[in-house]
Protein backbone atom coordinates (compact mmCIF):
# COMPACT_ATOMS: atom_id res chain seq x y z
CA MET A 1 41.70 3.46 8.79
CA ALA A 2 43.99 0.80 10.56
CA ASN A 3 47.54 0.44 9.24
CA SER A 4 47.49 -2.36 6.46
CA ASN A 5 49.87 -4.59 7.97
CA TYR A 6 47.59 -4.70 10.78
CA LEU A 7 44.69 -5.19 8.83
CA ARG A 8 46.10 -7.92 6.94
CA GLN A 9 47.32 -10.11 10.37
CA SER A 10 43.72 -9.52 11.84
CA ILE A 11 42.14 -10.52 8.68
CA LYS A 12 44.33 -13.48 8.15
CA ASN A 13 43.80 -14.88 11.62
CA ARG A 14 39.60 -14.31 11.23
CA ARG A 15 40.24 -16.31 8.16
CA LYS A 16 42.44 -18.99 9.46
CA SER A 17 40.06 -19.19 12.57
CA LEU A 18 36.83 -20.58 10.28
CA ASP A 19 36.29 -24.32 10.30
CA ILE A 20 37.19 -26.43 7.12
CA LYS A 21 33.67 -27.49 6.69
CA ILE A 22 32.61 -24.09 6.83
CA VAL A 23 35.40 -22.84 4.45
CA ILE A 24 34.38 -25.59 2.19
CA LYS A 25 30.35 -24.26 2.38
CA LYS A 26 31.68 -20.87 1.63
CA SER A 27 33.93 -21.73 -1.05
CA GLU A 28 30.95 -24.00 -2.46
CA ASP A 29 28.76 -20.84 -2.27
CA ILE A 30 31.22 -18.43 -4.17
CA ILE A 31 31.70 -20.76 -7.11
CA LYS A 32 27.90 -20.93 -7.41
CA ASN A 33 27.42 -17.22 -7.32
CA LEU A 34 30.09 -16.97 -9.76
CA ILE A 35 29.04 -19.63 -12.53
CA LYS A 36 25.18 -18.67 -12.27
CA GLN A 37 26.34 -14.83 -13.95
CA PRO A 38 26.26 -14.83 -17.75
CA PHE A 39 29.84 -13.37 -17.97
CA PHE A 40 30.82 -16.82 -16.86
CA ASN A 41 29.92 -18.82 -19.68
CA TYR A 42 30.88 -16.11 -22.24
CA HIS A 43 34.38 -16.18 -21.25
CA SER A 44 36.23 -19.04 -22.91
CA SER A 45 39.37 -19.31 -20.67
CA ILE A 46 40.18 -18.79 -16.69
CA PHE A 47 43.07 -18.35 -15.09
CA LEU A 48 43.21 -19.16 -11.52
CA TYR A 49 44.61 -19.35 -8.03
CA SER A 50 45.57 -22.70 -6.63
CA SER A 51 44.05 -21.97 -3.08
CA PHE A 52 46.05 -22.17 0.15
CA LEU A 53 45.24 -22.35 3.76
CA ASN A 54 42.22 -21.08 4.32
CA GLU A 55 41.48 -19.27 1.19
CA VAL A 56 38.50 -19.61 -0.86
CA LYS A 57 38.83 -23.20 -2.53
CA THR A 58 39.05 -22.97 -6.40
CA ASP A 59 39.44 -27.08 -7.09
CA SER A 60 35.47 -27.40 -8.01
CA LEU A 61 36.07 -24.19 -10.39
CA LEU A 62 39.08 -26.01 -12.17
CA LYS A 63 36.81 -29.08 -12.66
CA ILE A 64 33.80 -26.84 -13.98
CA SER A 65 35.78 -25.31 -16.49
CA GLY A 66 37.26 -28.01 -17.71
CA ILE A 67 33.88 -29.82 -18.28
CA LYS A 68 32.52 -26.30 -19.98
CA GLY A 69 36.05 -26.65 -22.37
CA LYS A 70 37.40 -23.43 -20.89
CA LYS A 71 41.01 -22.97 -21.39
CA ILE A 72 42.44 -23.11 -17.93
CA GLY A 73 45.78 -21.57 -16.39
CA LEU A 74 47.41 -21.59 -13.22
CA PRO A 75 50.16 -19.39 -11.41
CA LEU A 76 53.61 -20.85 -11.68
CA ILE A 77 56.10 -18.50 -9.20
CA ARG A 78 59.28 -18.16 -10.83
CA ASN A 79 62.20 -15.86 -9.88
CA ASN A 80 59.59 -13.56 -7.46
CA ASN A 81 57.03 -13.12 -10.35
CA ILE A 82 54.02 -15.03 -11.84
CA VAL A 83 54.38 -17.02 -14.86
CA PRO A 84 50.73 -18.15 -16.07
CA GLY A 85 51.15 -22.01 -16.71
CA LEU A 86 48.70 -23.51 -19.15
CA ILE A 87 47.05 -26.36 -18.00
CA LEU A 88 47.42 -29.36 -20.67
CA LYS A 89 46.97 -32.53 -18.38
CA ARG A 90 45.75 -32.88 -14.94
CA GLU A 91 49.43 -32.98 -13.57
CA PHE A 92 50.63 -31.05 -10.49
CA LYS A 93 53.57 -30.70 -8.18
CA LYS A 94 54.10 -28.48 -5.07
CA GLY A 95 55.49 -24.92 -6.03
CA LYS A 96 57.08 -22.10 -3.89
CA PHE A 97 54.95 -21.97 -0.49
CA ASN A 98 54.03 -25.60 -1.16
CA ILE A 99 51.52 -24.20 -3.28
CA ILE A 100 49.99 -26.16 -6.18
CA GLU A 101 51.45 -25.97 -9.74
CA PRO A 102 50.86 -27.47 -13.14
CA VAL A 103 53.43 -29.33 -14.45
CA THR A 104 53.56 -27.46 -17.92
CA ASP A 105 55.99 -25.94 -19.81
CA LYS A 106 53.67 -24.14 -22.13
CA GLU A 107 52.39 -20.58 -21.17
CA PHE A 108 48.79 -19.52 -20.78
CA VAL A 109 47.92 -16.91 -23.16
CA PHE A 110 45.46 -14.04 -22.01
CA ASP A 111 42.93 -12.09 -24.04
CA GLU A 112 39.39 -10.24 -23.37
CA LYS A 113 37.83 -13.39 -22.95
CA THR A 114 39.71 -14.43 -19.82
CA ILE A 115 38.36 -14.52 -16.50
CA ILE A 116 41.37 -13.75 -13.76
CA ILE A 117 40.78 -15.33 -10.37
CA ILE A 118 42.83 -13.33 -7.53
CA PRO A 119 43.51 -14.46 -4.28
CA LEU A 120 43.17 -11.72 -1.45
CA ILE A 121 43.36 -10.98 2.25
CA ILE A 122 41.19 -8.18 2.50
CA PHE A 123 38.81 -5.94 0.21
CA ASP A 124 36.52 -2.96 0.05
CA ILE A 125 33.22 -2.42 -1.79
CA ASN A 126 35.06 -0.38 -4.43
CA CYS A 127 37.09 -3.59 -5.57
CA ASN A 128 40.27 -2.60 -4.07
CA ARG A 129 42.13 -5.67 -2.53
CA ILE A 130 45.10 -6.22 -0.40
CA GLY A 131 46.93 -9.61 -0.74
CA PHE A 132 49.84 -11.37 1.50
CA GLY A 133 51.65 -8.01 0.36
CA LYS A 134 54.48 -9.27 -2.06
CA GLY A 135 53.35 -7.73 -4.82
CA TYR A 136 53.00 -10.84 -7.04
CA TYR A 137 49.31 -10.11 -8.21
CA ASP A 138 50.00 -6.54 -8.60
CA ARG A 139 53.07 -6.60 -10.65
CA PHE A 140 51.31 -9.68 -12.77
CA LEU A 141 47.89 -7.62 -13.22
CA LYS A 142 49.56 -4.68 -14.95
CA LYS A 143 50.51 -7.22 -17.88
CA VAL A 144 47.28 -9.04 -18.59
CA LYS A 145 43.94 -8.72 -20.19
CA GLY A 146 40.87 -9.79 -18.95
CA LEU A 147 38.17 -9.72 -16.32
CA LYS A 148 39.69 -9.17 -12.94
CA LEU A 149 37.58 -11.12 -10.37
CA GLY A 150 38.65 -11.43 -6.68
CA PHE A 151 37.35 -14.46 -4.37
CA ALA A 152 36.41 -13.48 -0.93
CA TYR A 153 34.35 -14.52 2.27
CA GLU A 154 32.15 -11.57 3.53
CA LEU A 155 34.16 -11.37 6.92
CA GLN A 156 37.19 -10.27 4.69
CA LYS A 157 35.47 -7.19 3.71
CA VAL A 158 36.48 -3.71 5.40
CA LYS A 159 34.92 -0.20 4.49
CA GLU A 160 37.88 1.28 2.79
CA ILE A 161 41.26 0.37 1.59
CA LYS A 162 43.83 3.48 1.18
CA LYS A 163 45.21 2.54 -2.36
CA LYS A 164 48.69 2.90 -2.93
CA TYR A 165 50.15 3.87 -6.78
CA TYR A 166 50.82 0.36 -7.70
CA ASP A 167 47.69 -0.87 -6.68
CA ILE A 168 45.29 -2.63 -9.30
CA PRO A 169 42.03 -2.65 -8.58
CA LEU A 170 39.86 -5.81 -9.41
CA ASP A 171 36.58 -5.38 -11.56
CA ILE A 172 34.33 -7.79 -9.49
CA ILE A 173 34.76 -9.27 -6.20
CA VAL A 174 32.67 -12.41 -5.33
CA THR A 175 31.50 -13.99 -1.99
CA GLU A 176 29.36 -16.00 -0.37
CA LYS A 177 27.02 -13.43 -0.42
CA LYS A 178 26.99 -11.33 -3.56
CA ILE A 179 28.83 -9.97 -6.67
CA ILE A 180 30.36 -6.53 -5.98
CA ARG A 181 31.35 -4.79 -9.01
CA ARG A 182 33.59 -1.86 -9.13
CA LYS A 183 31.89 1.66 -10.08
CA ARG A 184 33.72 3.21 -12.92
């Protein structure tokens, strides 16, 4: 099993090399795979990330969720932690790392009917993930309720990730080809 920093950089480079047209097509396929799942309609709120670089694009999911009347949240980065911001109006600004954040002072509240969509760099078939390495989402996921779901391209999959004690596995990974559920 490769060193996680080497693996992270290798997969980031692979993802970075994708043409924007391919990123958009794969992102659309991932969103389609999600919204055709029965649990998507069951859950009344969604907390998603604002896509950055060649991450799976979430703009269309934001729009679809609004049309379906879901309560929507996006992360705000404050003091190296994620603060869940509730979207009331479609007003956004650039935040830390130049990532789009909602202009809001209202906190998004999580419950068992929330889908929490997490970005990632690497995943395995057991729904373990490796992110950018700062621990933002691992610290955040420990504190919230909901269905923890990752968006990724198939090219980000590896056979196995050696989990560390602080790593929080996801419940589901959605790729352009399939839905992967964590075995309990």
